[in-house]
Amino acid sequence: MAKKYIVKLSKQERSALIDLKKNLVASSQKIQRANVLLKADSNSSPTFALRGGNRGF
């Protein structure tokens, strides 16, 4: 399946999303969207899949 949107997060954006996910201070919908953005990020490290990034949320 071809990618519909290409997501490129900066280091600052990526760290903000990770902090949001770790602290659980946002709504569940916001945390789920952060998970989707982190998974779709094309700038993510190639080891993301090895750390469980290819599993569901």
PDB file of N, CA and C in Angstrom:
ATOM      1  N   MET A   1       0.841  -1.176   0.000  1.00  0.00           N
ATOM      2  CA  MET A   1       0.000   0.000   0.000  1.00  0.00           C
ATOM      3  C   MET A   1       0.887   1.240   0.000  1.00  0.00           C
ATOM      4  N   ALA A   2       0.609   2.147  -0.884  1.00  0.00           N
ATOM      5  CA  ALA A   2       1.387   3.376  -0.977  1.00  0.00           C
ATOM      6  C   ALA A   2       0.992   4.328   0.149  1.00  0.00           C
ATOM      7  N   LYS A   3       1.979   5.082   0.593  1.00  0.00           N
ATOM      8  CA  LYS A   3       1.695   6.045   1.654  1.00  0.00           C
ATOM      9  C   LYS A   3       0.891   7.210   1.096  1.00  0.00           C
ATOM     10  N   LYS A   4      -0.131   7.589   1.837  1.00  0.00           N
ATOM     11  CA  LYS A   4      -0.977   8.691   1.399  1.00  0.00           C
ATOM     12  C   LYS A   4      -0.367  10.024   1.811  1.00  0.00           C
ATOM     13  N   TYR A   5       0.183  10.079   3.001  1.00  0.00           N
ATOM     14  CA  TYR A   5       0.823  11.286   3.512  1.00  0.00           C
ATOM     15  C   TYR A   5       2.209  10.920   4.021  1.00  0.00           C
ATOM     16  N   ILE A   6       3.162  11.789   3.789  1.00  0.00           N
ATOM     17  CA  ILE A   6       4.511  11.576   4.301  1.00  0.00           C
ATOM     18  C   ILE A   6       4.698  12.488   5.496  1.00  0.00           C
ATOM     19  N   VAL A   7       5.023  11.896   6.632  1.00  0.00           N
ATOM     20  CA  VAL A   7       5.172  12.632   7.886  1.00  0.00           C
ATOM     21  C   VAL A   7       6.652  12.729   8.216  1.00  0.00           C
ATOM     22  N   LYS A   8       7.143  13.948   8.394  1.00  0.00           N
ATOM     23  CA  LYS A   8       8.534  14.169   8.779  1.00  0.00           C
ATOM     24  C   LYS A   8       8.541  15.046  10.033  1.00  0.00           C
ATOM     25  N   LEU A   9       8.831  14.429  11.162  1.00  0.00           N
ATOM     26  CA  LEU A   9       8.853  15.149  12.432  1.00  0.00           C
ATOM     27  C   LEU A   9      10.278  15.603  12.750  1.00  0.00           C
ATOM     28  N   SER A  10      10.391  16.801  13.292  1.00  0.00           N
ATOM     29  CA  SER A  10      11.696  17.256  13.762  1.00  0.00           C
ATOM     30  C   SER A  10      11.989  16.584  15.105  1.00  0.00           C
ATOM     31  N   LYS A  11      13.204  16.720  15.572  1.00  0.00           N
ATOM     32  CA  LYS A  11      13.568  16.126  16.865  1.00  0.00           C
ATOM     33  C   LYS A  11      12.732  16.717  17.988  1.00  0.00           C
ATOM     34  N   GLN A  12      12.455  18.017  17.907  1.00  0.00           N
ATOM     35  CA  GLN A  12      11.663  18.683  18.939  1.00  0.00           C
ATOM     36  C   GLN A  12      10.218  18.178  18.928  1.00  0.00           C
ATOM     37  N   GLU A  13       9.645  18.053  17.743  1.00  0.00           N
ATOM     38  CA  GLU A  13       8.270  17.561  17.632  1.00  0.00           C
ATOM     39  C   GLU A  13       8.174  16.124  18.132  1.00  0.00           C
ATOM     40  N   ARG A  14       9.152  15.316  17.740  1.00  0.00           N
ATOM     41  CA  ARG A  14       9.167  13.912  18.154  1.00  0.00           C
ATOM     42  C   ARG A  14       9.283  13.789  19.671  1.00  0.00           C
ATOM     43  N   SER A  15      10.172  14.579  20.282  1.00  0.00           N
ATOM     44  CA  SER A  15      10.328  14.501  21.741  1.00  0.00           C
ATOM     45  C   SER A  15       9.078  15.006  22.461  1.00  0.00           C
ATOM     46  N   ALA A  16       8.405  16.009  21.898  1.00  0.00           N
ATOM     47  CA  ALA A  16       7.166  16.499  22.503  1.00  0.00           C
ATOM     48  C   ALA A  16       6.078  15.426  22.478  1.00  0.00           C
ATOM     49  N   LEU A  17       5.989  14.697  21.370  1.00  0.00           N
ATOM     50  CA  LEU A  17       4.993  13.628  21.269  1.00  0.00           C
ATOM     51  C   LEU A  17       5.318  12.471  22.207  1.00  0.00           C
ATOM     52  N   ILE A  18       6.598  12.151  22.340  1.00  0.00           N
ATOM     53  CA  ILE A  18       7.006  11.081  23.251  1.00  0.00           C
ATOM     54  C   ILE A  18       6.712  11.474  24.691  1.00  0.00           C
ATOM     55  N   ASP A  19       6.987  12.735  25.057  1.00  0.00           N
ATOM     56  CA  ASP A  19       6.683  13.210  26.413  1.00  0.00           C
ATOM     57  C   ASP A  19       5.183  13.169  26.681  1.00  0.00           C
ATOM     58  N   LEU A  20       4.402  13.571  25.697  1.00  0.00           N
ATOM     59  CA  LEU A  20       2.944  13.545  25.834  1.00  0.00           C
ATOM     60  C   LEU A  20       2.465  12.117  26.083  1.00  0.00           C
ATOM     61  N   LYS A  21       3.057  11.185  25.367  1.00  0.00           N
ATOM     62  CA  LYS A  21       2.674   9.784  25.491  1.00  0.00           C
ATOM     63  C   LYS A  21       3.104   9.199  26.838  1.00  0.00           C
ATOM     64  N   LYS A  22       4.283   9.569  27.308  1.00  0.00           N
ATOM     65  CA  LYS A  22       4.800   9.030  28.567  1.00  0.00           C
ATOM     66  C   LYS A  22       4.052   9.573  29.780  1.00  0.00           C
ATOM     67  N   ASN A  23       3.755  10.862  29.772  1.00  0.00           N
ATOM     68  CA  ASN A  23       3.160  11.507  30.941  1.00  0.00           C
ATOM     69  C   ASN A  23       1.664  11.256  31.082  1.00  0.00           C
ATOM     70  N   LEU A  24       1.007  10.884  29.989  1.00  0.00           N
ATOM     71  CA  LEU A  24      -0.434  10.615  29.995  1.00  0.00           C
ATOM     72  C   LEU A  24      -1.252  11.763  30.580  1.00  0.00           C
ATOM     73  N   VAL A  25      -0.872  12.996  30.239  1.00  0.00           N
ATOM     74  CA  VAL A  25      -1.593  14.154  30.750  1.00  0.00           C
ATOM     75  C   VAL A  25      -2.661  14.639  29.766  1.00  0.00           C
ATOM     76  N   ALA A  26      -2.685  14.066  28.567  1.00  0.00           N
ATOM     77  CA  ALA A  26      -3.636  14.497  27.551  1.00  0.00           C
ATOM     78  C   ALA A  26      -4.788  13.498  27.459  1.00  0.00           C
ATOM     79  N   SER A  27      -5.758  13.846  26.654  1.00  0.00           N
ATOM     80  CA  SER A  27      -6.890  12.945  26.451  1.00  0.00           C
ATOM     81  C   SER A  27      -6.430  11.710  25.685  1.00  0.00           C
ATOM     82  N   SER A  28      -7.215  10.669  25.765  1.00  0.00           N
ATOM     83  CA  SER A  28      -6.855   9.424  25.091  1.00  0.00           C
ATOM     84  C   SER A  28      -6.805   9.615  23.575  1.00  0.00           C
ATOM     85  N   GLN A  29      -7.656  10.478  23.052  1.00  0.00           N
ATOM     86  CA  GLN A  29      -7.660  10.744  21.614  1.00  0.00           C
ATOM     87  C   GLN A  29      -6.358  11.424  21.187  1.00  0.00           C
ATOM     88  N   LYS A  30      -5.869  12.344  21.998  1.00  0.00           N
ATOM     89  CA  LYS A  30      -4.621  13.041  21.690  1.00  0.00           C
ATOM     90  C   LYS A  30      -3.431  12.084  21.759  1.00  0.00           C
ATOM     91  N   ILE A  31      -3.450  11.195  22.725  1.00  0.00           N
ATOM     92  CA  ILE A  31      -2.360  10.219  22.869  1.00  0.00           C
ATOM     93  C   ILE A  31      -2.383   9.247  21.695  1.00  0.00           C
ATOM     94  N   GLN A  32      -3.559   8.837  21.259  1.00  0.00           N
ATOM     95  CA  GLN A  32      -3.669   7.943  20.114  1.00  0.00           C
ATOM     96  C   GLN A  32      -3.151   8.628  18.847  1.00  0.00           C
ATOM     97  N   ARG A  33      -3.456   9.891  18.675  1.00  0.00           N
ATOM     98  CA  ARG A  33      -2.953  10.630  17.511  1.00  0.00           C
ATOM     99  C   ARG A  33      -1.439  10.773  17.569  1.00  0.00           C
ATOM    100  N   ALA A  34      -0.903  10.964  18.776  1.00  0.00           N
ATOM    101  CA  ALA A  34       0.554  11.031  18.930  1.00  0.00           C
ATOM    102  C   ALA A  34       1.187   9.703  18.533  1.00  0.00           C
ATOM    103  N   ASN A  35       0.572   8.590  18.914  1.00  0.00           N
ATOM    104  CA  ASN A  35       1.068   7.268  18.528  1.00  0.00           C
ATOM    105  C   ASN A  35       1.073   7.109  17.011  1.00  0.00           C
ATOM    106  N   VAL A  36       0.014   7.555  16.360  1.00  0.00           N
ATOM    107  CA  VAL A  36      -0.077   7.440  14.909  1.00  0.00           C
ATOM    108  C   VAL A  36       1.009   8.275  14.243  1.00  0.00           C
ATOM    109  N   LEU A  37       1.203   9.493  14.722  1.00  0.00           N
ATOM    110  CA  LEU A  37       2.237  10.353  14.133  1.00  0.00           C
ATOM    111  C   LEU A  37       3.632   9.767  14.339  1.00  0.00           C
ATOM    112  N   LEU A  38       3.891   9.232  15.527  1.00  0.00           N
ATOM    113  CA  LEU A  38       5.198   8.632  15.787  1.00  0.00           C
ATOM    114  C   LEU A  38       5.430   7.409  14.913  1.00  0.00           C
ATOM    115  N   LYS A  39       4.396   6.632  14.689  1.00  0.00           N
ATOM    116  CA  LYS A  39       4.543   5.444  13.862  1.00  0.00           C
ATOM    117  C   LYS A  39       4.708   5.807  12.388  1.00  0.00           C
ATOM    118  N   ALA A  40       4.068   6.877  11.933  1.00  0.00           N
ATOM    119  CA  ALA A  40       4.132   7.285  10.529  1.00  0.00           C
ATOM    120  C   ALA A  40       5.359   8.129  10.199  1.00  0.00           C
ATOM    121  N   ASP A  41       6.110   8.525  11.194  1.00  0.00           N
ATOM    122  CA  ASP A  41       7.255   9.408  10.987  1.00  0.00           C
ATOM    123  C   ASP A  41       8.294   8.742  10.090  1.00  0.00           C
ATOM    124  N   SER A  42       8.637   9.405   8.998  1.00  0.00           N
ATOM    125  CA  SER A  42       9.630   8.848   8.080  1.00  0.00           C
ATOM    126  C   SER A  42      11.053   9.118   8.562  1.00  0.00           C
ATOM    127  N   ASN A  43      11.222  10.018   9.518  1.00  0.00           N
ATOM    128  CA  ASN A  43      12.545  10.320  10.066  1.00  0.00           C
ATOM    129  C   ASN A  43      12.879   9.451  11.273  1.00  0.00           C
ATOM    130  N   SER A  44      12.011   8.495  11.599  1.00  0.00           N
ATOM    131  CA  SER A  44      12.264   7.676  12.779  1.00  0.00           C
ATOM    132  C   SER A  44      13.443   6.745  12.521  1.00  0.00           C
ATOM    133  N   SER A  45      14.011   6.255  13.596  1.00  0.00           N
ATOM    134  CA  SER A  45      15.177   5.386  13.484  1.00  0.00           C
ATOM    135  C   SER A  45      14.758   4.033  12.909  1.00  0.00           C
ATOM    136  N   PRO A  46      15.652   3.380  12.184  1.00  0.00           N
ATOM    137  CA  PRO A  46      15.296   2.081  11.617  1.00  0.00           C
ATOM    138  C   PRO A  46      15.102   0.997  12.672  1.00  0.00           C
ATOM    139  N   THR A  47      15.565   1.225  13.893  1.00  0.00           N
ATOM    140  CA  THR A  47      15.396   0.240  14.963  1.00  0.00           C
ATOM    141  C   THR A  47      14.029   0.340  15.612  1.00  0.00           C
ATOM    142  N   PHE A  48      13.202   1.297  15.166  1.00  0.00           N
ATOM    143  CA  PHE A  48      11.865   1.456  15.746  1.00  0.00           C
ATOM    144  C   PHE A  48      11.067   0.165  15.587  1.00  0.00           C
ATOM    145  N   ALA A  49      11.180  -0.482  14.442  1.00  0.00           N
ATOM    146  CA  ALA A  49      10.450  -1.725  14.205  1.00  0.00           C
ATOM    147  C   ALA A  49      10.966  -2.837  15.113  1.00  0.00           C
ATOM    148  N   LEU A  50      12.257  -2.808  15.422  1.00  0.00           N
ATOM    149  CA  LEU A  50      12.821  -3.841  16.277  1.00  0.00           C
ATOM    150  C   LEU A  50      12.383  -3.672  17.727  1.00  0.00           C
ATOM    151  N   ARG A  51      12.051  -2.447  18.125  1.00  0.00           N
ATOM    152  CA  ARG A  51      11.626  -2.194  19.496  1.00  0.00           C
ATOM    153  C   ARG A  51      10.139  -2.342  19.680  1.00  0.00           C
ATOM    154  N   GLY A  52       9.459  -2.886  18.715  1.00  0.00           N
ATOM    155  CA  GLY A  52       8.019  -3.094  18.852  1.00  0.00           C
ATOM    156  C   GLY A  52       7.202  -2.057  18.146  1.00  0.00           C
ATOM    157  N   GLY A  53       7.803  -1.253  17.306  1.00  0.00           N
ATOM    158  CA  GLY A  53       7.066  -0.214  16.595  1.00  0.00           C
ATOM    159  C   GLY A  53       6.124  -0.751  15.547  1.00  0.00           C
ATOM    160  N   ASN A  54       6.340  -1.994  15.138  1.00  0.00           N
ATOM    161  CA  ASN A  54       5.469  -2.557  14.118  1.00  0.00           C
ATOM    162  C   ASN A  54       4.236  -3.221  14.700  1.00  0.00           C
ATOM    163  N   ARG A  55       4.129  -3.288  16.014  1.00  0.00           N
ATOM    164  CA  ARG A  55       2.926  -3.840  16.658  1.00  0.00           C
ATOM    165  C   ARG A  55       1.861  -2.756  16.776  1.00  0.00           C
ATOM    166  N   GLY A  56       0.670  -3.188  17.078  1.00  0.00           N
ATOM    167  CA  GLY A  56      -0.420  -2.242  17.277  1.00  0.00           C
ATOM    168  C   GLY A  56      -0.220  -1.442  18.561  1.00  0.00           C
ATOM    169  N   PHE A  57      -1.083  -0.478  18.768  1.00  0.00           N
ATOM    170  CA  PHE A  57      -0.962   0.370  19.951  1.00  0.00           C
ATOM    171  C   PHE A  57      -1.541  -0.365  21.096  1.00  0.00           C
TER     172      PHE A  57
END
